[in-house]
């Protein structure tokens, strides 16, 4: 649902205008009061620069979610960069090194 908002909503914040953000995972706390959204920008490495703007937009996104989802309470949204793809690329590069490849072969 949060990913849908990023495709449908126009943000007033100039730092988010025209910015494509991918929500890769959302983790909800056991008490359902907090949600951590892991975000990335596919093909770009500047997600850390967009985090302050995303945090400013969190209350707006939360209110939009409350309209779309029927829950007693909508969790407070926190944003974290998703580094899984960067980590996977780093591991891939290590596995392709000649000294590692000969041990794997």
N, C-alpha and C. Protein backbone atom coordinates (compact mmCIF):
# COMPACT_ATOMS: atom_id res chain seq x y z
N UNK A 1 0.82 -1.18 0.00
CA UNK A 1 0.00 0.00 0.00
C UNK A 1 0.88 1.26 0.00
N UNK A 2 1.95 1.25 0.77
CA UNK A 2 2.85 2.40 0.82
C UNK A 2 3.52 2.61 -0.54
N UNK A 3 3.91 1.54 -1.19
CA UNK A 3 4.53 1.65 -2.51
C UNK A 3 3.56 2.28 -3.50
N UNK A 4 2.28 1.95 -3.39
CA UNK A 4 1.27 2.56 -4.27
C UNK A 4 1.22 4.07 -4.10
N UNK A 5 1.36 4.53 -2.87
CA UNK A 5 1.32 5.97 -2.62
C UNK A 5 2.45 6.69 -3.35
N UNK A 6 3.61 6.07 -3.40
CA UNK A 6 4.74 6.71 -4.08
C UNK A 6 4.51 6.83 -5.58
N UNK A 7 3.68 5.97 -6.14
CA UNK A 7 3.40 6.06 -7.58
C UNK A 7 2.24 7.00 -7.88
N UNK A 8 1.34 7.21 -6.91
CA UNK A 8 0.14 8.01 -7.17
C UNK A 8 0.21 9.44 -6.67
N UNK A 9 0.97 9.69 -5.64
CA UNK A 9 0.93 10.97 -4.95
C UNK A 9 1.96 11.94 -5.51
N UNK A 10 1.56 13.18 -5.65
CA UNK A 10 2.48 14.25 -6.01
C UNK A 10 2.91 14.92 -4.71
N UNK A 11 4.20 14.99 -4.49
CA UNK A 11 4.71 15.59 -3.27
C UNK A 11 4.97 17.07 -3.48
N UNK A 12 4.64 17.86 -2.47
CA UNK A 12 4.90 19.30 -2.54
C UNK A 12 6.36 19.63 -2.28
N UNK A 13 7.02 18.75 -1.55
CA UNK A 13 8.42 18.97 -1.22
C UNK A 13 9.25 18.90 -2.50
N UNK A 14 9.98 19.97 -2.82
CA UNK A 14 10.76 19.97 -4.06
C UNK A 14 11.82 18.86 -4.12
N UNK A 15 12.27 18.40 -2.95
CA UNK A 15 13.27 17.33 -2.93
C UNK A 15 12.67 15.98 -3.34
N UNK A 16 11.34 15.85 -3.27
CA UNK A 16 10.69 14.60 -3.65
C UNK A 16 9.94 14.69 -4.97
N UNK A 17 9.81 15.88 -5.51
CA UNK A 17 9.09 16.05 -6.77
C UNK A 17 9.81 15.31 -7.89
N UNK A 18 9.09 14.41 -8.52
CA UNK A 18 9.66 13.66 -9.63
C UNK A 18 10.64 12.57 -9.24
N UNK A 19 10.78 12.30 -7.95
CA UNK A 19 11.71 11.29 -7.46
C UNK A 19 10.98 9.95 -7.38
N UNK A 20 11.57 8.91 -7.95
CA UNK A 20 11.00 7.57 -7.90
C UNK A 20 11.66 6.79 -6.77
N UNK A 21 10.83 6.40 -5.81
CA UNK A 21 11.31 5.65 -4.65
C UNK A 21 10.67 4.27 -4.68
N UNK A 22 11.48 3.26 -4.45
CA UNK A 22 11.00 1.88 -4.39
C UNK A 22 10.99 1.43 -2.94
N UNK A 23 9.85 0.94 -2.49
CA UNK A 23 9.73 0.37 -1.14
C UNK A 23 10.01 -1.12 -1.29
N UNK A 24 11.12 -1.57 -0.71
CA UNK A 24 11.51 -2.97 -0.88
C UNK A 24 10.98 -3.87 0.23
N UNK A 25 10.74 -3.29 1.40
CA UNK A 25 10.26 -4.09 2.53
C UNK A 25 9.69 -3.15 3.57
N UNK A 26 8.69 -3.63 4.30
CA UNK A 26 8.14 -2.88 5.42
C UNK A 26 8.06 -3.84 6.60
N UNK A 27 8.64 -3.42 7.71
CA UNK A 27 8.59 -4.22 8.94
C UNK A 27 7.75 -3.47 9.96
N UNK A 28 6.77 -4.15 10.51
CA UNK A 28 5.86 -3.56 11.48
C UNK A 28 6.23 -4.07 12.87
N UNK A 29 6.25 -3.16 13.84
CA UNK A 29 6.57 -3.55 15.21
C UNK A 29 5.45 -4.44 15.76
N UNK A 30 5.75 -5.29 16.75
CA UNK A 30 4.74 -6.19 17.31
C UNK A 30 3.50 -5.46 17.85
N UNK A 31 3.69 -4.24 18.34
CA UNK A 31 2.54 -3.49 18.87
C UNK A 31 1.79 -2.72 17.78
N UNK A 32 2.22 -2.85 16.53
CA UNK A 32 1.60 -2.22 15.36
C UNK A 32 1.63 -0.69 15.39
N UNK A 33 2.53 -0.12 16.18
CA UNK A 33 2.58 1.34 16.28
C UNK A 33 3.66 1.96 15.39
N UNK A 34 4.60 1.14 14.94
CA UNK A 34 5.71 1.66 14.14
C UNK A 34 5.93 0.76 12.93
N UNK A 35 6.21 1.38 11.81
CA UNK A 35 6.53 0.65 10.58
C UNK A 35 7.84 1.20 10.03
N UNK A 36 8.78 0.32 9.77
CA UNK A 36 10.04 0.72 9.15
C UNK A 36 9.97 0.33 7.69
N UNK A 37 10.04 1.33 6.83
CA UNK A 37 10.00 1.10 5.39
C UNK A 37 11.42 1.19 4.85
N UNK A 38 11.86 0.12 4.22
CA UNK A 38 13.18 0.09 3.59
C UNK A 38 13.01 0.56 2.15
N UNK A 39 13.74 1.58 1.78
CA UNK A 39 13.55 2.22 0.48
C UNK A 39 14.86 2.26 -0.31
N UNK A 40 14.70 2.30 -1.63
CA UNK A 40 15.85 2.37 -2.52
C UNK A 40 15.43 3.16 -3.75
N UNK A 41 16.42 3.57 -4.49
CA UNK A 41 16.19 4.19 -5.79
C UNK A 41 16.93 3.33 -6.79
N UNK A 42 16.18 2.57 -7.56
CA UNK A 42 16.79 1.61 -8.48
C UNK A 42 17.67 2.34 -9.49
N UNK A 43 18.90 1.87 -9.60
CA UNK A 43 19.84 2.47 -10.52
C UNK A 43 20.50 3.73 -10.00
N UNK A 44 20.16 4.13 -8.80
CA UNK A 44 20.73 5.36 -8.21
C UNK A 44 21.23 5.03 -6.81
N UNK A 45 22.20 5.77 -6.36
CA UNK A 45 22.75 5.52 -5.02
C UNK A 45 22.55 6.72 -4.10
N UNK A 46 21.56 7.56 -4.39
CA UNK A 46 21.38 8.78 -3.61
C UNK A 46 20.22 8.72 -2.62
N UNK A 47 19.82 7.52 -2.21
CA UNK A 47 18.67 7.40 -1.30
C UNK A 47 18.95 8.08 0.04
N UNK A 48 20.22 8.05 0.50
CA UNK A 48 20.54 8.71 1.77
C UNK A 48 20.24 10.19 1.72
N UNK A 49 20.42 10.81 0.55
CA UNK A 49 20.13 12.24 0.40
C UNK A 49 18.64 12.53 0.44
N UNK A 50 17.81 11.53 0.13
CA UNK A 50 16.35 11.72 0.10
C UNK A 50 15.69 11.38 1.43
N UNK A 51 16.41 10.75 2.35
CA UNK A 51 15.81 10.35 3.62
C UNK A 51 15.24 11.52 4.42
N UNK A 52 15.92 12.66 4.54
CA UNK A 52 15.30 13.78 5.29
C UNK A 52 13.96 14.21 4.69
N UNK A 53 13.86 14.26 3.38
CA UNK A 53 12.60 14.64 2.73
C UNK A 53 11.53 13.57 2.97
N UNK A 54 11.92 12.30 2.93
CA UNK A 54 10.97 11.23 3.20
C UNK A 54 10.46 11.30 4.63
N UNK A 55 11.34 11.62 5.55
CA UNK A 55 10.93 11.74 6.95
C UNK A 55 9.97 12.91 7.14
N UNK A 56 10.19 13.99 6.40
CA UNK A 56 9.25 15.13 6.47
C UNK A 56 7.89 14.74 5.89
N UNK A 57 7.89 13.86 4.89
CA UNK A 57 6.64 13.44 4.25
C UNK A 57 5.92 12.33 5.00
N UNK A 58 6.55 11.75 6.00
CA UNK A 58 5.97 10.61 6.72
C UNK A 58 4.59 10.90 7.31
N UNK A 59 4.36 12.04 7.97
CA UNK A 59 3.01 12.29 8.50
C UNK A 59 1.94 12.35 7.39
N UNK A 60 2.30 12.95 6.27
CA UNK A 60 1.37 13.01 5.13
C UNK A 60 1.08 11.60 4.61
N UNK A 61 2.12 10.78 4.45
CA UNK A 61 1.94 9.42 3.97
C UNK A 61 1.10 8.60 4.95
N UNK A 62 1.31 8.83 6.22
CA UNK A 62 0.53 8.13 7.24
C UNK A 62 -0.95 8.49 7.14
N UNK A 63 -1.25 9.76 6.93
CA UNK A 63 -2.66 10.16 6.80
C UNK A 63 -3.27 9.59 5.52
N UNK A 64 -2.49 9.52 4.45
CA UNK A 64 -2.99 8.90 3.21
C UNK A 64 -3.26 7.41 3.41
N UNK A 65 -2.38 6.76 4.16
CA UNK A 65 -2.59 5.34 4.45
C UNK A 65 -3.84 5.12 5.29
N UNK A 66 -4.09 6.03 6.22
CA UNK A 66 -5.27 5.87 7.09
C UNK A 66 -6.56 5.94 6.28
N UNK A 67 -6.55 6.66 5.18
CA UNK A 67 -7.73 6.72 4.31
C UNK A 67 -7.90 5.44 3.50
N UNK A 68 -6.78 4.79 3.18
CA UNK A 68 -6.82 3.63 2.30
C UNK A 68 -6.97 2.30 3.04
N UNK A 69 -6.56 2.26 4.29
CA UNK A 69 -6.54 1.01 5.04
C UNK A 69 -7.46 1.13 6.25
N UNK A 70 -8.24 0.11 6.47
CA UNK A 70 -9.14 0.13 7.62
C UNK A 70 -8.48 -0.57 8.81
N UNK A 71 -7.80 0.23 9.59
CA UNK A 71 -7.16 -0.25 10.81
C UNK A 71 -7.57 0.67 11.95
N UNK A 72 -7.48 0.17 13.14
CA UNK A 72 -7.78 1.00 14.30
C UNK A 72 -6.80 2.17 14.38
N UNK A 73 -5.55 1.88 14.09
CA UNK A 73 -4.53 2.91 14.08
C UNK A 73 -3.50 2.61 13.00
N UNK A 74 -3.03 3.63 12.35
CA UNK A 74 -2.01 3.45 11.32
C UNK A 74 -0.65 3.68 11.96
N UNK A 75 0.30 2.80 11.71
CA UNK A 75 1.61 2.95 12.36
C UNK A 75 2.37 4.20 11.91
N UNK A 76 3.21 4.67 12.79
CA UNK A 76 4.12 5.77 12.47
C UNK A 76 5.18 5.20 11.52
N UNK A 77 5.47 5.93 10.45
CA UNK A 77 6.37 5.42 9.41
C UNK A 77 7.78 5.97 9.60
N UNK A 78 8.74 5.07 9.57
CA UNK A 78 10.15 5.42 9.65
C UNK A 78 10.82 4.89 8.37
N UNK A 79 11.74 5.64 7.83
CA UNK A 79 12.40 5.23 6.59
C UNK A 79 13.87 4.88 6.85
N UNK A 80 14.29 3.80 6.21
CA UNK A 80 15.69 3.36 6.26
C UNK A 80 16.11 2.99 4.84
N UNK A 81 17.36 3.26 4.49
CA UNK A 81 17.82 2.85 3.16
C UNK A 81 17.95 1.33 3.08
N UNK A 82 17.57 0.76 1.95
CA UNK A 82 17.74 -0.67 1.74
C UNK A 82 19.11 -0.89 1.12
N UNK A 83 19.96 -1.55 1.83
CA UNK A 83 21.33 -1.78 1.36
C UNK A 83 21.54 -3.22 0.89
N UNK A 84 20.48 -4.00 0.80
CA UNK A 84 20.61 -5.41 0.42
C UNK A 84 21.20 -5.56 -0.98
N UNK A 85 20.76 -4.75 -1.93
CA UNK A 85 21.28 -4.85 -3.29
C UNK A 85 22.76 -4.49 -3.35
N UNK A 86 23.16 -3.45 -2.63
CA UNK A 86 24.57 -3.07 -2.58
C UNK A 86 25.41 -4.20 -2.00
N UNK A 87 24.89 -4.83 -0.94
CA UNK A 87 25.60 -5.93 -0.29
C UNK A 87 25.72 -7.11 -1.25
N UNK A 88 24.64 -7.43 -1.97
CA UNK A 88 24.67 -8.55 -2.93
C UNK A 88 25.67 -8.28 -4.04
N UNK A 89 25.74 -7.05 -4.51
CA UNK A 89 26.71 -6.72 -5.56
C UNK A 89 28.14 -6.82 -5.04
N UNK A 90 28.35 -6.46 -3.80
CA UNK A 90 29.68 -6.57 -3.19
C UNK A 90 30.10 -8.04 -3.08
N UNK A 91 29.18 -8.89 -2.64
CA UNK A 91 29.47 -10.32 -2.53
C UNK A 91 29.74 -10.91 -3.91
N UNK A 92 28.95 -10.52 -4.90
CA UNK A 92 29.15 -10.99 -6.26
C UNK A 92 30.54 -10.62 -6.77
N UNK A 93 30.95 -9.37 -6.52
CA UNK A 93 32.28 -8.93 -6.95
C UNK A 93 33.37 -9.74 -6.26
N UNK A 94 33.19 -10.05 -4.98
CA UNK A 94 34.17 -10.87 -4.26
C UNK A 94 34.25 -12.27 -4.85
N UNK A 95 33.11 -12.85 -5.18
CA UNK A 95 33.10 -14.21 -5.72
C UNK A 95 33.71 -14.28 -7.12
N UNK A 96 33.73 -13.18 -7.83
CA UNK A 96 34.30 -13.15 -9.18
C UNK A 96 35.81 -12.89 -9.19
N UNK A 97 36.38 -12.57 -8.06
CA UNK A 97 37.82 -12.34 -8.00
C UNK A 97 38.55 -13.64 -8.35
N UNK A 98 39.62 -13.55 -9.12
CA UNK A 98 40.34 -14.76 -9.58
C UNK A 98 40.77 -15.68 -8.45
N UNK A 99 41.26 -15.13 -7.35
CA UNK A 99 41.74 -15.99 -6.26
C UNK A 99 40.60 -16.73 -5.56
N UNK A 100 39.39 -16.15 -5.59
CA UNK A 100 38.24 -16.82 -5.01
C UNK A 100 37.65 -17.80 -6.01
N UNK A 101 37.58 -17.40 -7.27
CA UNK A 101 37.01 -18.25 -8.32
C UNK A 101 37.75 -19.58 -8.43
N UNK A 102 39.09 -19.56 -8.29
CA UNK A 102 39.84 -20.83 -8.40
C UNK A 102 39.53 -21.76 -7.24
N UNK A 103 39.24 -21.22 -6.06
CA UNK A 103 38.89 -22.05 -4.92
C UNK A 103 37.46 -22.62 -5.07
N UNK A 104 36.61 -21.89 -5.78
CA UNK A 104 35.24 -22.34 -5.95
C UNK A 104 35.10 -23.34 -7.09
N UNK A 105 36.03 -23.28 -8.05
CA UNK A 105 35.96 -24.08 -9.28
C UNK A 105 36.29 -25.49 -9.07
